[in-house]
Amino acid sequence: MTIPLSTPTVSRERLHGRTVTFDGYRRRDGLFDIEAHLTDVKDHDFALLTGVRLAGVPIHDMWVRATIDRGFVIRGIEAVTDSMPYPGACDRIGPAYEKLVGANLIDGFRKRLHELMGGVRGCTHITELLLFLPTAAIQTFAGLQREDEGTGKPFQLDHCHALATTSATVRRYYPKWYRGAA
């Protein structure tokens, strides 16, 4: 695997790997599904209080499917834990995430997520996974229409340094919204 970081100058041994994926789907009923998946694996046998987890066997294997509409409102959500350190405990919290139905992903979602599911009200890993749901949804919708179509300011402007409305990038690609020096 090639990593675009500098080459490490000290030899090292990988101990842990976390994989997170998000996939966005358009449904035939006009809604969208965002599916998120998180796995944690150790590269060595790992002793848990509940038994030894062999190298490469997931300690965490968790899934979430959020069904959303075009307004970024969660219409349905399902959270499932397949692998966990504490069977019979970790895998019982999934239905609690239904409290998020009605939440808007781009209007205070992360705050609401923390209020409803933070700490002992949820699973640390599932809640952490859901923190990235808003940007996964935005990327799912990207490309369904041109960024510069419509009368409103494109969503992504003024949400990162490259797309500040005073930047050369905006002057070049979104001249209508450029607010910098002439």
N, C-alpha and C. Protein backbone atom coordinates (compact mmCIF):
# COMPACT_ATOMS: atom_id res chain seq x y z
N MET A 1 0.84 -1.18 0.00
CA MET A 1 0.00 0.00 0.00
C MET A 1 0.89 1.24 0.00
N THR A 2 0.63 2.12 -0.91
CA THR A 2 1.37 3.38 -0.98
C THR A 2 0.60 4.45 -0.24
N ILE A 3 1.28 5.13 0.65
CA ILE A 3 0.67 6.21 1.42
C ILE A 3 1.38 7.49 1.04
N PRO A 4 0.64 8.56 0.75
CA PRO A 4 1.28 9.80 0.32
C PRO A 4 1.91 10.60 1.46
N LEU A 5 2.12 9.96 2.60
CA LEU A 5 2.83 10.61 3.69
C LEU A 5 4.32 10.39 3.51
N SER A 6 5.10 11.09 4.26
CA SER A 6 6.55 10.88 4.20
C SER A 6 6.85 9.46 4.69
N THR A 7 7.97 8.91 4.23
CA THR A 7 8.39 7.58 4.65
C THR A 7 8.82 7.63 6.11
N PRO A 8 8.27 6.72 6.95
CA PRO A 8 8.69 6.71 8.34
C PRO A 8 10.20 6.48 8.45
N THR A 9 10.81 7.14 9.39
CA THR A 9 12.27 7.03 9.57
C THR A 9 12.65 5.99 10.61
N VAL A 10 11.66 5.43 11.30
CA VAL A 10 11.89 4.42 12.32
C VAL A 10 11.04 3.20 11.95
N SER A 11 11.62 2.00 12.10
CA SER A 11 10.83 0.81 11.78
C SER A 11 9.66 0.72 12.76
N ARG A 12 8.58 0.11 12.30
CA ARG A 12 7.38 0.04 13.12
C ARG A 12 6.58 -1.20 12.79
N GLU A 13 5.67 -1.55 13.68
CA GLU A 13 4.81 -2.72 13.53
C GLU A 13 3.37 -2.25 13.67
N ARG A 14 2.55 -2.56 12.68
CA ARG A 14 1.14 -2.18 12.78
C ARG A 14 0.46 -3.05 13.84
N LEU A 15 -0.32 -2.41 14.70
CA LEU A 15 -1.02 -3.12 15.76
C LEU A 15 -2.53 -3.17 15.55
N HIS A 16 -3.05 -2.15 14.86
CA HIS A 16 -4.50 -2.01 14.78
C HIS A 16 -4.89 -1.42 13.43
N GLY A 17 -6.02 -1.84 12.91
CA GLY A 17 -6.56 -1.26 11.69
C GLY A 17 -8.04 -0.96 11.87
N ARG A 18 -8.42 0.25 11.51
CA ARG A 18 -9.84 0.62 11.50
C ARG A 18 -10.21 0.97 10.07
N THR A 19 -11.30 0.41 9.61
CA THR A 19 -11.81 0.71 8.29
C THR A 19 -13.21 1.29 8.43
N VAL A 20 -13.44 2.41 7.77
CA VAL A 20 -14.75 3.06 7.78
C VAL A 20 -15.13 3.31 6.32
N THR A 21 -16.33 2.90 5.95
CA THR A 21 -16.81 3.17 4.60
C THR A 21 -18.22 3.74 4.67
N PHE A 22 -18.54 4.54 3.67
CA PHE A 22 -19.88 5.09 3.49
C PHE A 22 -20.27 4.87 2.04
N ASP A 23 -21.46 4.38 1.81
CA ASP A 23 -21.98 4.21 0.47
C ASP A 23 -23.34 4.88 0.40
N GLY A 24 -23.56 5.66 -0.65
CA GLY A 24 -24.83 6.35 -0.84
C GLY A 24 -25.61 5.75 -1.99
N TYR A 25 -26.91 5.58 -1.79
CA TYR A 25 -27.78 4.95 -2.79
C TYR A 25 -29.02 5.81 -3.03
N ARG A 26 -29.43 5.90 -4.29
CA ARG A 26 -30.71 6.51 -4.65
C ARG A 26 -31.74 5.39 -4.71
N ARG A 27 -32.84 5.57 -4.02
CA ARG A 27 -33.89 4.57 -3.99
C ARG A 27 -34.97 4.90 -5.02
N ARG A 28 -35.73 3.91 -5.43
CA ARG A 28 -36.80 4.12 -6.42
C ARG A 28 -37.95 4.94 -5.88
N ASP A 29 -38.07 5.04 -4.55
CA ASP A 29 -39.18 5.81 -3.96
C ASP A 29 -38.83 7.28 -3.77
N GLY A 30 -37.66 7.72 -4.28
CA GLY A 30 -37.27 9.12 -4.18
C GLY A 30 -36.42 9.45 -2.97
N LEU A 31 -36.25 8.49 -2.07
CA LEU A 31 -35.40 8.70 -0.90
C LEU A 31 -34.00 8.18 -1.19
N PHE A 32 -33.11 8.35 -0.23
CA PHE A 32 -31.72 7.94 -0.38
C PHE A 32 -31.29 7.17 0.86
N ASP A 33 -30.48 6.13 0.67
CA ASP A 33 -29.89 5.39 1.78
C ASP A 33 -28.41 5.71 1.85
N ILE A 34 -27.94 6.01 3.04
CA ILE A 34 -26.51 6.14 3.30
C ILE A 34 -26.16 4.99 4.23
N GLU A 35 -25.27 4.11 3.78
CA GLU A 35 -24.86 2.97 4.60
C GLU A 35 -23.43 3.19 5.06
N ALA A 36 -23.24 3.05 6.35
CA ALA A 36 -21.93 3.23 6.97
C ALA A 36 -21.50 1.92 7.61
N HIS A 37 -20.20 1.64 7.55
CA HIS A 37 -19.67 0.39 8.09
C HIS A 37 -18.33 0.68 8.76
N LEU A 38 -18.16 0.18 9.96
CA LEU A 38 -16.92 0.36 10.71
C LEU A 38 -16.42 -0.99 11.17
N THR A 39 -15.12 -1.26 10.96
CA THR A 39 -14.50 -2.45 11.52
C THR A 39 -13.20 -2.06 12.20
N ASP A 40 -12.93 -2.73 13.30
CA ASP A 40 -11.66 -2.62 14.01
C ASP A 40 -11.07 -4.02 14.10
N VAL A 41 -9.80 -4.15 13.68
CA VAL A 41 -9.11 -5.44 13.79
C VAL A 41 -7.73 -5.22 14.37
N LYS A 42 -7.25 -6.20 15.09
CA LYS A 42 -5.89 -6.20 15.61
C LYS A 42 -5.06 -7.12 14.72
N ASP A 43 -3.78 -6.82 14.62
CA ASP A 43 -2.87 -7.65 13.82
C ASP A 43 -2.20 -8.72 14.67
N HIS A 44 -2.69 -8.90 15.86
CA HIS A 44 -2.18 -9.92 16.78
C HIS A 44 -3.38 -10.44 17.59
N ASP A 45 -3.23 -11.61 18.17
CA ASP A 45 -4.29 -12.11 19.04
C ASP A 45 -4.47 -11.11 20.18
N PHE A 46 -5.72 -10.89 20.55
CA PHE A 46 -6.04 -9.83 21.51
C PHE A 46 -6.91 -10.40 22.61
N ALA A 47 -6.43 -10.33 23.85
CA ALA A 47 -7.18 -10.86 24.99
C ALA A 47 -8.19 -9.84 25.48
N LEU A 48 -9.46 -10.19 25.35
CA LEU A 48 -10.56 -9.40 25.91
C LEU A 48 -11.04 -10.13 27.17
N LEU A 49 -11.73 -9.45 28.03
CA LEU A 49 -12.30 -10.11 29.20
C LEU A 49 -13.29 -11.19 28.80
N THR A 50 -13.87 -11.05 27.61
CA THR A 50 -14.84 -12.02 27.12
C THR A 50 -14.20 -13.14 26.29
N GLY A 51 -12.88 -13.14 26.17
CA GLY A 51 -12.17 -14.18 25.44
C GLY A 51 -11.16 -13.59 24.48
N VAL A 52 -10.35 -14.45 23.90
CA VAL A 52 -9.30 -14.01 22.98
C VAL A 52 -9.89 -13.81 21.59
N ARG A 53 -9.61 -12.67 20.99
CA ARG A 53 -10.00 -12.40 19.61
C ARG A 53 -8.76 -12.63 18.77
N LEU A 54 -8.84 -13.53 17.82
CA LEU A 54 -7.69 -13.86 16.99
C LEU A 54 -7.33 -12.72 16.05
N ALA A 55 -6.07 -12.62 15.71
CA ALA A 55 -5.59 -11.59 14.78
C ALA A 55 -6.44 -11.61 13.51
N GLY A 56 -6.87 -10.42 13.08
CA GLY A 56 -7.65 -10.30 11.85
C GLY A 56 -9.14 -10.48 12.02
N VAL A 57 -9.59 -10.99 13.16
CA VAL A 57 -11.02 -11.15 13.41
C VAL A 57 -11.53 -9.84 14.02
N PRO A 58 -12.57 -9.24 13.46
CA PRO A 58 -13.00 -7.93 13.95
C PRO A 58 -13.38 -7.92 15.43
N ILE A 59 -12.90 -6.90 16.12
CA ILE A 59 -13.36 -6.63 17.48
C ILE A 59 -14.66 -5.85 17.39
N HIS A 60 -14.71 -4.92 16.45
CA HIS A 60 -15.94 -4.17 16.16
C HIS A 60 -16.28 -4.38 14.69
N ASP A 61 -17.53 -4.66 14.42
CA ASP A 61 -18.05 -4.75 13.05
C ASP A 61 -19.47 -4.20 13.12
N MET A 62 -19.62 -2.93 12.73
CA MET A 62 -20.86 -2.21 12.96
C MET A 62 -21.38 -1.58 11.68
N TRP A 63 -22.69 -1.57 11.54
CA TRP A 63 -23.36 -1.07 10.34
C TRP A 63 -24.45 -0.09 10.71
N VAL A 64 -24.62 0.93 9.89
CA VAL A 64 -25.75 1.85 10.03
C VAL A 64 -26.30 2.13 8.64
N ARG A 65 -27.62 2.13 8.52
CA ARG A 65 -28.27 2.59 7.29
C ARG A 65 -29.23 3.71 7.70
N ALA A 66 -28.99 4.89 7.13
CA ALA A 66 -29.88 6.02 7.35
C ALA A 66 -30.59 6.30 6.03
N THR A 67 -31.90 6.37 6.08
CA THR A 67 -32.70 6.75 4.91
C THR A 67 -33.04 8.22 5.07
N ILE A 68 -32.70 9.01 4.03
CA ILE A 68 -32.89 10.46 4.09
C ILE A 68 -33.65 10.95 2.86
N ASP A 69 -34.20 12.14 3.00
CA ASP A 69 -34.86 12.77 1.85
C ASP A 69 -33.94 13.85 1.28
N ARG A 70 -34.39 14.53 0.22
CA ARG A 70 -33.59 15.58 -0.44
C ARG A 70 -33.30 16.75 0.48
N GLY A 71 -34.07 16.92 1.52
CA GLY A 71 -33.85 18.00 2.49
C GLY A 71 -32.90 17.59 3.60
N PHE A 72 -32.27 16.42 3.47
CA PHE A 72 -31.30 15.88 4.44
C PHE A 72 -31.96 15.47 5.76
N VAL A 73 -33.25 15.20 5.75
CA VAL A 73 -33.94 14.77 6.97
C VAL A 73 -33.92 13.25 7.03
N ILE A 74 -33.55 12.73 8.20
CA ILE A 74 -33.53 11.28 8.41
C ILE A 74 -34.96 10.78 8.50
N ARG A 75 -35.32 9.86 7.60
CA ARG A 75 -36.66 9.27 7.57
C ARG A 75 -36.70 7.89 8.22
N GLY A 76 -35.54 7.26 8.33
CA GLY A 76 -35.43 5.95 8.96
C GLY A 76 -33.97 5.67 9.27
N ILE A 77 -33.71 4.87 10.29
CA ILE A 77 -32.32 4.54 10.62
C ILE A 77 -32.28 3.17 11.28
N GLU A 78 -31.24 2.43 10.94
CA GLU A 78 -31.03 1.09 11.49
C GLU A 78 -29.56 0.98 11.85
N ALA A 79 -29.26 0.51 13.06
CA ALA A 79 -27.89 0.30 13.50
C ALA A 79 -27.76 -1.14 14.00
N VAL A 80 -26.74 -1.84 13.49
CA VAL A 80 -26.54 -3.25 13.83
C VAL A 80 -25.07 -3.47 14.16
N THR A 81 -24.84 -4.24 15.21
CA THR A 81 -23.47 -4.59 15.61
C THR A 81 -23.31 -6.10 15.43
N ASP A 82 -22.39 -6.49 14.53
CA ASP A 82 -22.13 -7.91 14.27
C ASP A 82 -21.03 -8.47 15.18
N SER A 83 -19.95 -7.70 15.37
CA SER A 83 -18.86 -8.13 16.25
C SER A 83 -18.63 -7.04 17.28
N MET A 84 -18.37 -7.47 18.54
CA MET A 84 -18.25 -6.52 19.63
C MET A 84 -17.47 -7.17 20.77
N PRO A 85 -16.94 -6.36 21.67
CA PRO A 85 -16.23 -6.93 22.80
C PRO A 85 -17.16 -7.55 23.84
N TYR A 86 -18.40 -7.07 23.95
CA TYR A 86 -19.31 -7.52 25.00
C TYR A 86 -20.63 -8.00 24.40
N PRO A 87 -20.66 -9.23 23.86
CA PRO A 87 -21.89 -9.75 23.27
C PRO A 87 -23.03 -9.74 24.30
N GLY A 88 -24.22 -9.41 23.81
CA GLY A 88 -25.37 -9.35 24.68
C GLY A 88 -25.53 -7.99 25.34
N ALA A 89 -24.57 -7.12 25.14
CA ALA A 89 -24.64 -5.76 25.69
C ALA A 89 -24.48 -4.76 24.55
N CYS A 90 -23.33 -4.78 23.89
CA CYS A 90 -23.05 -3.84 22.79
C CYS A 90 -24.12 -3.91 21.71
N ASP A 91 -24.58 -5.10 21.41
CA ASP A 91 -25.50 -5.29 20.28
C ASP A 91 -26.96 -4.97 20.62
N ARG A 92 -27.23 -4.46 21.81
CA ARG A 92 -28.60 -4.15 22.20
C ARG A 92 -28.97 -2.69 21.96
N ILE A 93 -28.01 -1.81 21.67
CA ILE A 93 -28.28 -0.37 21.60
C ILE A 93 -28.82 0.08 20.24
N GLY A 94 -28.69 -0.72 19.22
CA GLY A 94 -29.08 -0.32 17.87
C GLY A 94 -30.42 0.37 17.75
N PRO A 95 -31.50 -0.19 18.31
CA PRO A 95 -32.82 0.44 18.17
C PRO A 95 -32.90 1.85 18.78
N ALA A 96 -32.05 2.17 19.74
CA ALA A 96 -32.07 3.50 20.36
C ALA A 96 -31.77 4.61 19.35
N TYR A 97 -31.05 4.27 18.28
CA TYR A 97 -30.68 5.27 17.28
C TYR A 97 -31.89 5.76 16.48
N GLU A 98 -33.03 5.08 16.62
CA GLU A 98 -34.25 5.54 15.95
C GLU A 98 -34.69 6.91 16.47
N LYS A 99 -34.14 7.33 17.61
CA LYS A 99 -34.42 8.68 18.14
C LYS A 99 -33.98 9.75 17.16
N LEU A 100 -33.09 9.41 16.22
CA LEU A 100 -32.56 10.38 15.26
C LEU A 100 -33.50 10.61 14.07
N VAL A 101 -34.55 9.81 13.95
CA VAL A 101 -35.52 10.02 12.87
C VAL A 101 -36.10 11.43 13.04
N GLY A 102 -36.10 12.19 11.95
CA GLY A 102 -36.56 13.57 11.97
C GLY A 102 -35.44 14.58 12.06
N ALA A 103 -34.23 14.14 12.43
CA ALA A 103 -33.09 15.05 12.51
C ALA A 103 -32.65 15.46 11.12
N ASN A 104 -32.20 16.69 10.98
CA ASN A 104 -31.70 17.20 9.71
C ASN A 104 -30.17 17.14 9.74
N LEU A 105 -29.58 16.48 8.75
CA LEU A 105 -28.14 16.26 8.74
C LEU A 105 -27.32 17.54 8.60
N ILE A 106 -27.90 18.61 8.04
CA ILE A 106 -27.11 19.83 7.86
C ILE A 106 -27.60 20.99 8.72
N ASP A 107 -28.43 20.67 9.68
CA ASP A 107 -28.93 21.72 10.58
C ASP A 107 -28.82 21.24 12.02
N GLY A 108 -27.63 21.36 12.59
CA GLY A 108 -27.41 21.01 13.99
C GLY A 108 -27.35 19.53 14.29
N PHE A 109 -27.07 18.70 13.28
CA PHE A 109 -27.10 17.25 13.48
C PHE A 109 -26.10 16.77 14.51
N ARG A 110 -24.87 17.21 14.44
CA ARG A 110 -23.85 16.69 15.35
C ARG A 110 -24.18 17.03 16.81
N LYS A 111 -24.72 18.20 17.03
CA LYS A 111 -25.14 18.58 18.39
C LYS A 111 -26.28 17.68 18.86
N ARG A 112 -27.26 17.48 17.98
CA ARG A 112 -28.41 16.63 18.34
C ARG A 112 -27.96 15.19 18.57
N LEU A 113 -27.05 14.70 17.74
CA LEU A 113 -26.51 13.36 17.90
C LEU A 113 -25.88 13.20 19.28
N HIS A 114 -25.08 14.17 19.67
CA HIS A 114 -24.44 14.11 20.99
C HIS A 114 -25.47 14.17 22.11
N GLU A 115 -26.46 15.04 21.98
CA GLU A 115 -27.49 15.16 23.02
C GLU A 115 -28.31 13.88 23.17
N LEU A 116 -28.64 13.24 22.05
CA LEU A 116 -29.49 12.06 22.10
C LEU A 116 -28.72 10.76 22.34
N MET A 117 -27.50 10.66 21.77
CA MET A 117 -26.81 9.38 21.76
C MET A 117 -25.41 9.42 22.37
N GLY A 118 -24.99 10.57 22.88
CA GLY A 118 -23.65 10.68 23.45
C GLY A 118 -23.53 9.92 24.76
N GLY A 119 -22.30 9.58 25.13
CA GLY A 119 -22.04 8.89 26.39
C GLY A 119 -22.78 7.57 26.50
N VAL A 120 -23.36 7.32 27.66
CA VAL A 120 -24.02 6.04 27.92
C VAL A 120 -25.37 5.91 27.22
N ARG A 121 -25.80 6.95 26.52
CA ARG A 121 -27.08 6.87 25.79
C ARG A 121 -26.93 6.11 24.47
N GLY A 122 -25.69 5.85 24.05
CA GLY A 122 -25.45 5.17 22.79
C GLY A 122 -24.16 4.36 22.83
N CYS A 123 -23.72 3.95 21.67
CA CYS A 123 -22.46 3.23 21.51
C CYS A 123 -21.43 4.23 20.99
N THR A 124 -20.29 4.30 21.66
CA THR A 124 -19.24 5.23 21.26
C THR A 124 -18.92 5.10 19.78
N HIS A 125 -18.78 3.87 19.30
CA HIS A 125 -18.34 3.64 17.93
C HIS A 125 -19.41 4.00 16.90
N ILE A 126 -20.66 3.62 17.16
CA ILE A 126 -21.73 3.95 16.23
C ILE A 126 -21.95 5.46 16.20
N THR A 127 -21.93 6.09 17.37
CA THR A 127 -22.11 7.55 17.42
C THR A 127 -20.98 8.25 16.68
N GLU A 128 -19.76 7.79 16.87
CA GLU A 128 -18.61 8.35 16.16
C GLU A 128 -18.76 8.17 14.65
N LEU A 129 -19.22 7.02 14.23
CA LEU A 129 -19.45 6.74 12.81
C LEU A 129 -20.46 7.72 12.23
N LEU A 130 -21.52 8.00 12.98
CA LEU A 130 -22.57 8.89 12.50
C LEU A 130 -22.13 10.34 12.38
N LEU A 131 -21.03 10.71 13.01
CA LEU A 131 -20.53 12.09 12.89
C LEU A 131 -20.23 12.44 11.44
N PHE A 132 -19.90 11.45 10.63
CA PHE A 132 -19.56 11.69 9.23
C PHE A 132 -20.74 11.53 8.28
N LEU A 133 -21.90 11.23 8.82
CA LEU A 133 -23.10 11.05 7.99
C LEU A 133 -23.45 12.30 7.18
N PRO A 134 -23.37 13.51 7.75
CA PRO A 134 -23.71 14.69 6.94
C PRO A 134 -22.85 14.84 5.68
N THR A 135 -21.56 14.70 5.80
CA THR A 135 -20.72 14.88 4.62
C THR A 135 -20.88 13.73 3.63
N ALA A 136 -21.16 12.53 4.14
CA ALA A 136 -21.43 11.40 3.23
C ALA A 136 -22.71 11.67 2.44
N ALA A 137 -23.71 12.25 3.09
CA ALA A 137 -24.96 12.58 2.40
C ALA A 137 -24.73 13.66 1.35
N ILE A 138 -23.96 14.67 1.69
CA ILE A 138 -23.66 15.74 0.73
C ILE A 138 -22.95 15.17 -0.48
N GLN A 139 -21.99 14.28 -0.25
CA GLN A 139 -21.28 13.66 -1.37
C GLN A 139 -22.20 12.76 -2.19
N THR A 140 -23.17 12.14 -1.55
CA THR A 140 -24.13 11.31 -2.28
C THR A 140 -24.94 12.16 -3.24
N PHE A 141 -25.35 13.35 -2.80
CA PHE A 141 -26.14 14.23 -3.66
C PHE A 141 -25.29 14.95 -4.70
N ALA A 142 -23.97 15.06 -4.45
CA ALA A 142 -23.10 15.76 -5.41
C ALA A 142 -23.15 15.05 -6.76
N GLY A 143 -23.29 15.82 -7.79
CA GLY A 143 -23.33 15.27 -9.13
C GLY A 143 -24.73 14.99 -9.64
N LEU A 144 -25.73 15.05 -8.76
CA LEU A 144 -27.10 14.86 -9.23
C LEU A 144 -27.60 16.09 -9.97
N GLN A 145 -26.96 17.23 -9.67
CA GLN A 145 -27.19 18.44 -10.46
C GLN A 145 -25.89 19.23 -10.42
N ARG A 146 -25.70 20.09 -11.39
CA ARG A 146 -24.48 20.91 -11.42
C ARG A 146 -24.42 21.79 -10.20
N GLU A 147 -23.21 22.00 -9.71
CA GLU A 147 -23.01 22.78 -8.50
C GLU A 147 -23.47 24.23 -8.64
N ASP A 148 -23.42 24.76 -9.85
CA ASP A 148 -23.74 26.17 -10.04
C ASP A 148 -25.17 26.39 -10.55
N GLU A 149 -25.99 25.32 -10.58
CA GLU A 149 -27.39 25.47 -11.00
C GLU A 149 -28.22 26.03 -9.85
N GLY A 150 -29.25 26.71 -10.18
CA GLY A 150 -30.14 27.26 -9.17
C GLY A 150 -29.77 28.70 -8.85
N THR A 151 -30.60 29.30 -8.03
CA THR A 151 -30.40 30.71 -7.70
C THR A 151 -29.67 30.91 -6.38
N GLY A 152 -29.66 29.89 -5.52
CA GLY A 152 -29.02 30.02 -4.22
C GLY A 152 -27.53 29.74 -4.28
N LYS A 153 -26.83 30.25 -3.29
CA LYS A 153 -25.39 30.02 -3.18
C LYS A 153 -25.13 28.53 -3.01
N PRO A 154 -24.22 27.95 -3.79
CA PRO A 154 -23.91 26.53 -3.64
C PRO A 154 -23.50 26.21 -2.20
N PHE A 155 -24.00 25.10 -1.71
CA PHE A 155 -23.83 24.71 -0.32
C PHE A 155 -22.38 24.74 0.15
N GLN A 156 -21.47 24.26 -0.69
CA GLN A 156 -20.09 24.07 -0.25
C GLN A 156 -19.31 25.38 -0.08
N LEU A 157 -19.82 26.47 -0.64
CA LEU A 157 -19.09 27.73 -0.53
C LEU A 157 -19.11 28.22 0.92
N ASP A 158 -17.94 28.70 1.35
CA ASP A 158 -17.71 29.18 2.72
C ASP A 158 -17.78 28.07 3.76
N HIS A 159 -17.55 26.82 3.33
CA HIS A 159 -17.50 25.71 4.28
C HIS A 159 -16.11 25.08 4.36
N CYS A 160 -15.15 25.58 3.60
CA CYS A 160 -13.76 25.15 3.73
C CYS A 160 -12.87 26.24 3.15
N HIS A 161 -11.58 26.21 3.50
CA HIS A 161 -10.67 27.29 3.11
C HIS A 161 -10.57 27.46 1.60
N ALA A 162 -10.59 26.36 0.86
CA ALA A 162 -10.44 26.45 -0.60
C ALA A 162 -11.66 27.09 -1.26
N LEU A 163 -12.80 26.99 -0.59
CA LEU A 163 -14.03 27.51 -1.19
C LEU A 163 -14.58 28.73 -0.44
N ALA A 164 -13.69 29.47 0.21
CA ALA A 164 -14.10 30.75 0.79
C ALA A 164 -14.49 31.66 -0.36
N THR A 165 -15.56 32.42 -0.19
CA THR A 165 -16.02 33.26 -1.30
C THR A 165 -15.04 34.39 -1.63
N THR A 166 -13.96 34.50 -0.87
CA THR A 166 -12.91 35.48 -1.17
C THR A 166 -11.69 34.81 -1.82
N SER A 167 -11.79 33.51 -2.12
CA SER A 167 -10.63 32.77 -2.64
C SER A 167 -10.52 32.82 -4.16
N ALA A 168 -9.32 32.57 -4.63
CA ALA A 168 -9.08 32.49 -6.07
C ALA A 168 -9.85 31.33 -6.70
N THR A 169 -10.06 30.28 -5.93
CA THR A 169 -10.82 29.13 -6.43
C THR A 169 -12.25 29.54 -6.76
N VAL A 170 -12.88 30.28 -5.85
CA VAL A 170 -14.25 30.73 -6.10
C VAL A 170 -14.27 31.75 -7.23
N ARG A 171 -13.27 32.62 -7.27
CA ARG A 171 -13.22 33.60 -8.38
C ARG A 171 -13.19 32.88 -9.72
N ARG A 172 -12.46 31.75 -9.79
CA ARG A 172 -12.31 31.02 -11.05
C ARG A 172 -13.54 30.17 -11.38
N TYR A 173 -14.04 29.40 -10.40
CA TYR A 173 -15.09 28.42 -10.69
C TYR A 173 -16.51 28.86 -10.34
N TYR A 174 -16.64 29.85 -9.46
CA TYR A 174 -17.95 30.35 -9.05
C TYR A 174 -17.94 31.88 -9.08
N PRO A 175 -17.64 32.48 -10.21
CA PRO A 175 -17.45 33.94 -10.25
C PRO A 175 -18.67 34.72 -9.75
N LYS A 176 -19.85 34.18 -9.93
CA LYS A 176 -21.06 34.85 -9.46
C LYS A 176 -21.05 35.05 -7.94
N TRP A 177 -20.35 34.18 -7.22
CA TRP A 177 -20.35 34.22 -5.76
C TRP A 177 -19.07 34.78 -5.19
N TYR A 178 -18.15 35.18 -6.03
CA TYR A 178 -16.86 35.73 -5.56
C TYR A 178 -17.08 37.05 -4.84
N ARG A 179 -16.49 37.20 -3.65
CA ARG A 179 -16.65 38.41 -2.83
C ARG A 179 -15.31 39.03 -2.46
N GLY A 180 -14.24 38.63 -3.12
CA GLY A 180 -12.91 39.17 -2.81
C GLY A 180 -12.62 40.45 -3.58
N ALA A 181 -11.36 40.84 -3.50
CA ALA A 181 -10.93 42.05 -4.19
C ALA A 181 -10.99 41.84 -5.71
N ALA A 182 -11.33 42.89 -6.41
CA ALA A 182 -11.45 42.82 -7.88
C ALA A 182 -10.11 42.60 -8.54
